[in-house]
């Protein structure tokens, strides 16, 4: 019989890629994680890991078991939600992670209302990729993130959509907008770092306008991007609620923002109350 507690260790390894990182996420020692994985292999009757020096990867049997582990985790979340609903758990604390403009846009207004109902939010400022990791690791209950960052292990609830605007230095000839992106083909650009999906949005929009942006500076902090543009370092495209800018002429790129929860937890009475307050209408 497979011990479901060890499935959590296998999921952490699949999420984080190394025993050391999985141990840190689970607040265990690497030795304890290795022991749990060895015991799980014995219980499963199949090799689950391929070991190459200090790194490990999952065998086909390991990948299959991880898929089942996600289902088990969702059912356990659902069971907890049902029990809490039975106990009428209408007061308590809910952990929420969101990027800065979403905290301003939806989290802070909800916090005051929920506090009156004896529901306390514990808010963490985290970019989309970080909030997703925190949600997977069980450190928070709700992640406010971009839709494309979520996985099928989450249930998503749309919050709002915002366009990207053009950010220009003071005194730029195109200030006042709207701006056609092709007019910026010869400009230097300030963009997010490689791997940030918002950079893909910018590069795709520029490609559709017929050019490749000449990237001179990079940052994942929109306050830094705004400061660099203000200093004359280049131009940028940024979500409207993150940085003030001028509209894009025609069809602007969009950021779709969602509240994500671990699948199965959406019916927890506290999480449901928070989701209801965060969502428009």
Protein backbone atom coordinates (compact mmCIF):
# COMPACT_ATOMS: atom_id res chain seq x y z
CA UNK A 1 0.00 0.00 0.00
CA UNK A 2 1.32 3.42 -0.99
CA UNK A 3 1.58 5.96 1.83
CA UNK A 4 -0.12 9.15 0.53
CA UNK A 5 2.18 11.27 2.69
CA UNK A 6 5.10 10.12 0.56
CA UNK A 7 3.26 11.18 -2.60
CA UNK A 8 3.65 14.78 -1.39
CA UNK A 9 7.41 14.27 -1.34
CA UNK A 10 7.35 12.91 -4.90
CA UNK A 11 5.26 15.87 -6.06
CA UNK A 12 7.73 18.29 -4.47
CA UNK A 13 10.59 16.59 -6.28
CA UNK A 14 8.73 16.84 -9.59
CA UNK A 15 7.99 20.53 -8.95
CA UNK A 16 11.48 21.57 -7.84
CA UNK A 17 13.80 19.19 -9.71
CA UNK A 18 16.29 18.34 -6.95
CA UNK A 19 16.17 16.61 -3.59
CA UNK A 20 17.67 19.68 -1.92
CA UNK A 21 15.05 22.05 -3.35
CA UNK A 22 12.23 19.63 -2.56
CA UNK A 23 13.50 19.33 1.02
CA UNK A 24 13.56 23.11 1.41
CA UNK A 25 9.98 23.38 0.13
CA UNK A 26 8.82 20.69 2.52
CA UNK A 27 10.89 21.99 5.46
CA UNK A 28 12.68 18.63 5.70
CA UNK A 29 16.30 17.58 5.45
CA UNK A 30 17.56 16.19 2.11
CA UNK A 31 18.31 12.93 3.93
CA UNK A 32 14.67 12.66 5.10
CA UNK A 33 13.41 13.33 1.56
CA UNK A 34 15.73 10.66 0.13
CA UNK A 35 14.51 8.16 2.73
CA UNK A 36 10.87 8.92 1.94
CA UNK A 37 11.48 8.50 -1.79
CA UNK A 38 13.30 5.20 -1.25
CA UNK A 39 10.39 3.95 0.86
CA UNK A 40 7.91 5.06 -1.80
CA UNK A 41 9.83 3.13 -4.47
CA UNK A 42 9.62 0.03 -2.28
CA UNK A 43 5.88 0.53 -1.77
CA UNK A 44 5.25 1.13 -5.49
CA UNK A 45 7.29 -1.88 -6.59
CA UNK A 46 8.84 0.11 -9.42
CA UNK A 47 11.89 2.34 -9.75
CA UNK A 48 10.63 5.92 -9.64
CA UNK A 49 13.89 7.86 -9.94
CA UNK A 50 16.85 8.00 -12.29
CA UNK A 51 19.93 9.17 -10.41
CA UNK A 52 22.74 11.02 -12.19
CA UNK A 53 25.26 12.27 -9.67
CA UNK A 54 23.47 14.73 -7.40
CA UNK A 55 20.53 15.18 -9.75
CA UNK A 56 17.52 12.93 -10.13
CA UNK A 57 14.75 12.65 -12.71
CA UNK A 58 11.54 10.66 -12.79
CA UNK A 59 11.17 7.34 -14.56
CA UNK A 60 8.00 6.71 -16.60
CA UNK A 61 6.59 4.98 -13.51
CA UNK A 62 7.49 8.04 -11.45
CA UNK A 63 5.76 10.37 -13.92
CA UNK A 64 2.66 8.19 -13.82
CA UNK A 65 2.61 8.16 -10.03
CA UNK A 66 2.96 11.96 -9.94
CA UNK A 67 -0.16 12.24 -12.11
CA UNK A 68 -2.07 10.10 -9.61
CA UNK A 69 -0.55 12.11 -6.76
CA UNK A 70 -2.09 15.29 -8.19
CA UNK A 71 -5.51 13.61 -8.21
CA UNK A 72 -5.07 12.38 -4.63
CA UNK A 73 -4.00 15.87 -3.50
CA UNK A 74 -7.03 17.48 -5.12
CA UNK A 75 -9.35 14.97 -3.43
CA UNK A 76 -7.73 15.61 -0.07
CA UNK A 77 -8.19 19.36 -0.59
CA UNK A 78 -11.84 18.72 -1.47
CA UNK A 79 -12.30 16.51 1.60
CA UNK A 80 -10.83 19.20 3.86
CA UNK A 81 -13.09 21.82 2.26
CA UNK A 82 -16.13 19.61 2.87
CA UNK A 83 -15.21 19.05 6.51
CA UNK A 84 -14.57 22.75 7.06
CA UNK A 85 -17.89 23.59 5.42
CA UNK A 86 -19.57 21.08 7.71
CA UNK A 87 -18.00 22.85 10.66
CA UNK A 88 -19.18 26.16 9.17
CA UNK A 89 -15.67 27.58 9.11
CA UNK A 90 -16.54 31.17 8.35
CA UNK A 91 -13.70 32.88 10.22
CA UNK A 92 -9.95 32.52 9.90
CA UNK A 93 -6.89 33.42 7.84
CA UNK A 94 -6.29 32.99 4.11
CA UNK A 95 -2.87 33.41 2.50
CA UNK A 96 -2.83 35.42 -0.75
CA UNK A 97 0.12 36.20 -3.03
CA UNK A 98 -0.15 38.80 -5.78
CA UNK A 99 2.00 41.15 -7.83
CA UNK A 100 2.05 44.79 -6.76
CA UNK A 101 -0.57 46.28 -9.10
CA UNK A 102 -3.01 43.42 -8.37
CA UNK A 103 -2.61 44.09 -4.64
CA UNK A 104 -3.67 47.67 -5.32
CA UNK A 105 -6.39 46.72 -7.81
CA UNK A 106 -8.22 43.87 -6.07
CA UNK A 107 -6.53 42.55 -2.93
CA UNK A 108 -6.40 45.68 -0.77
CA UNK A 109 -10.07 46.60 -1.38
CA UNK A 110 -11.12 43.03 -0.53
CA UNK A 111 -8.98 42.96 2.62
CA UNK A 112 -10.97 45.67 4.39
CA UNK A 113 -14.33 44.09 3.56
CA UNK A 114 -13.24 40.59 4.59
CA UNK A 115 -11.80 41.86 7.87
CA UNK A 116 -15.29 43.00 8.86
CA UNK A 117 -16.41 39.38 8.38
CA UNK A 118 -13.60 38.05 10.64
CA UNK A 119 -11.64 36.76 7.62
CA UNK A 120 -8.03 37.89 7.73
CA UNK A 121 -5.87 37.99 4.62
CA UNK A 122 -2.14 37.35 4.90
CA UNK A 123 -0.79 39.12 1.79
CA UNK A 124 2.57 38.51 0.09
CA UNK A 125 3.95 40.63 -2.73
CA UNK A 126 5.09 38.10 -5.35
CA UNK A 127 5.40 38.06 -9.12
CA UNK A 128 3.26 35.55 -11.01
CA UNK A 129 5.82 32.74 -11.25
CA UNK A 130 6.65 33.04 -7.54
CA UNK A 131 3.01 33.04 -6.43
CA UNK A 132 2.42 29.86 -8.46
CA UNK A 133 5.34 28.15 -6.69
CA UNK A 134 4.03 29.28 -3.30
CA UNK A 135 0.60 27.88 -4.14
CA UNK A 136 2.04 24.54 -5.27
CA UNK A 137 4.09 24.31 -2.08
CA UNK A 138 1.03 24.98 0.09
CA UNK A 139 2.46 28.20 1.54
CA UNK A 140 -0.52 30.27 0.36
CA UNK A 141 -4.15 29.56 -0.48
CA UNK A 142 -4.78 31.95 -3.38
CA UNK A 143 -2.40 33.18 -6.09
CA UNK A 144 -3.20 36.27 -8.16
CA UNK A 145 -1.32 35.70 -11.38
CA UNK A 146 -1.44 35.83 -15.17
CA UNK A 147 -3.68 33.20 -16.73
CA UNK A 148 -0.89 31.62 -18.78
CA UNK A 149 1.14 30.81 -15.65
CA UNK A 150 -1.46 28.43 -14.23
CA UNK A 151 -1.56 24.64 -14.57
CA UNK A 152 -4.29 22.00 -14.62
CA UNK A 153 -3.56 21.48 -10.93
CA UNK A 154 -5.30 24.82 -10.26
CA UNK A 155 -8.86 26.06 -10.55
CA UNK A 156 -8.85 29.55 -12.08
CA UNK A 157 -11.24 32.45 -11.53
CA UNK A 158 -11.00 35.44 -13.94
CA UNK A 159 -10.47 38.77 -12.19
CA UNK A 160 -9.73 41.41 -14.81
CA UNK A 161 -8.05 42.08 -18.15
CA UNK A 162 -5.74 45.01 -18.75
CA UNK A 163 -4.09 46.27 -21.93
CA UNK A 164 -0.42 47.02 -22.36
CA UNK A 165 0.48 50.70 -22.84
CA UNK A 166 3.55 52.30 -24.35
CA UNK A 167 5.87 53.93 -21.81
CA UNK A 168 7.82 56.87 -23.25
CA UNK A 169 10.46 59.24 -21.85
CA UNK A 170 9.37 62.77 -20.92
CA UNK A 171 9.31 65.05 -23.95
CA UNK A 172 9.14 62.19 -26.45
CA UNK A 173 7.49 63.26 -29.72
CA UNK A 174 4.85 60.52 -29.45
CA UNK A 175 3.71 61.37 -25.93
CA UNK A 176 -0.02 61.88 -25.89
CA UNK A 177 -0.64 58.79 -28.09
CA UNK A 178 -2.15 56.58 -29.22
CA UNK A 179 1.07 55.11 -30.60
CA UNK A 180 1.49 52.65 -33.44
CA UNK A 181 4.17 50.18 -32.39
CA UNK A 182 5.88 50.36 -35.78
CA UNK A 183 6.72 53.98 -34.92
CA UNK A 184 9.04 52.63 -32.21
CA UNK A 185 11.06 50.31 -34.46
CA UNK A 186 14.20 52.46 -34.19
CA UNK A 187 14.02 53.01 -30.43
CA UNK A 188 16.02 51.32 -27.67
CA UNK A 189 13.80 49.13 -25.49
CA UNK A 190 13.52 48.28 -21.79
CA UNK A 191 11.91 44.85 -21.31
CA UNK A 192 11.47 42.13 -18.71
CA UNK A 193 14.07 39.38 -18.27
CA UNK A 194 14.27 36.26 -20.49
CA UNK A 195 11.81 33.63 -19.27
CA UNK A 196 9.27 36.19 -18.11
CA UNK A 197 6.12 35.55 -20.22
CA UNK A 198 5.47 39.29 -20.39
CA UNK A 199 8.63 39.60 -22.45
CA UNK A 200 7.10 37.18 -24.94
CA UNK A 201 4.05 39.45 -25.16
CA UNK A 202 6.25 42.44 -26.02
CA UNK A 203 8.37 40.59 -28.57
CA UNK A 204 5.29 39.10 -30.25
CA UNK A 205 3.58 42.50 -30.45
CA UNK A 206 6.68 44.07 -31.99
CA UNK A 207 7.03 41.19 -34.47
CA UNK A 208 3.41 41.71 -35.54
CA UNK A 209 4.28 45.37 -36.08
CA UNK A 210 7.13 44.31 -38.37
CA UNK A 211 10.27 44.71 -36.28
CA UNK A 212 12.44 43.15 -33.57
CA UNK A 213 12.90 45.41 -30.51
CA UNK A 214 16.45 46.61 -29.89
CA UNK A 215 16.74 45.55 -26.23
CA UNK A 216 19.16 47.63 -24.17
CA UNK A 217 17.99 47.15 -20.58
CA UNK A 218 16.08 44.47 -18.66
CA UNK A 219 14.23 44.29 -15.35
CA UNK A 220 11.28 42.35 -13.92
CA UNK A 221 10.41 45.30 -11.65
CA UNK A 222 8.04 47.69 -13.41
CA UNK A 223 9.09 50.54 -11.11
CA UNK A 224 12.64 50.03 -12.37
CA UNK A 225 11.42 49.88 -15.97
CA UNK A 226 9.50 53.14 -15.47
CA UNK A 227 12.58 54.79 -13.93
CA UNK A 228 14.84 53.66 -16.78
CA UNK A 229 12.41 54.98 -19.38
CA UNK A 230 12.07 58.26 -17.48
CA UNK A 231 15.88 58.54 -17.55
CA UNK A 232 15.83 58.26 -21.34
CA UNK A 233 17.17 54.70 -21.54
CA UNK A 234 14.51 53.60 -24.03
CA UNK A 235 10.82 52.84 -24.43
CA UNK A 236 8.74 50.00 -23.01
CA UNK A 237 5.43 48.17 -23.15
CA UNK A 238 3.86 47.49 -19.76
CA UNK A 239 0.47 46.51 -18.30
CA UNK A 240 -1.64 49.62 -17.73
CA UNK A 241 -2.10 49.12 -13.99
CA UNK A 242 1.63 48.58 -13.45
CA UNK A 243 3.03 51.65 -15.19
CA UNK A 244 1.38 54.76 -16.60
CA UNK A 245 1.74 55.13 -20.35
CA UNK A 246 -0.03 56.02 -23.57
CA UNK A 247 -2.42 53.69 -25.42
CA UNK A 248 -1.37 51.44 -28.28
CA UNK A 249 -3.14 52.28 -31.52
CA UNK A 250 -5.33 49.43 -32.77
CA UNK A 251 -5.44 46.14 -30.92
CA UNK A 252 -3.26 46.30 -27.80
CA UNK A 253 -1.62 43.25 -26.15
CA UNK A 254 -3.54 42.09 -23.07
CA UNK A 255 -2.75 40.65 -19.65
CA UNK A 256 -5.47 38.36 -18.25
CA UNK A 257 -5.31 38.22 -14.46
CA UNK A 258 -6.83 35.32 -12.52
CA UNK A 259 -7.14 34.07 -8.96
CA UNK A 260 -5.80 30.51 -8.81
CA UNK A 261 -6.36 27.94 -6.06
CA UNK A 262 -5.27 24.35 -5.70
CA UNK A 263 -7.83 22.11 -7.39
CA UNK A 264 -10.26 20.80 -4.80
CA UNK A 265 -9.84 23.74 -2.39
CA UNK A 266 -12.23 26.10 -4.18
CA UNK A 267 -15.17 24.94 -2.03
CA UNK A 268 -13.44 25.68 1.28
CA UNK A 269 -15.75 28.25 2.91
CA UNK A 270 -12.96 30.71 3.69
CA UNK A 271 -11.37 30.47 0.24
CA UNK A 272 -14.79 30.73 -1.41
CA UNK A 273 -15.51 33.91 0.58
CA UNK A 274 -12.19 35.42 -0.51
CA UNK A 275 -12.74 34.48 -4.16
CA UNK A 276 -16.24 35.96 -4.10
CA UNK A 277 -14.86 39.23 -2.76
CA UNK A 278 -11.95 39.39 -5.23
CA UNK A 279 -14.05 38.74 -8.31
CA UNK A 280 -15.84 41.61 -10.06
CA UNK A 281 -19.60 41.88 -9.83
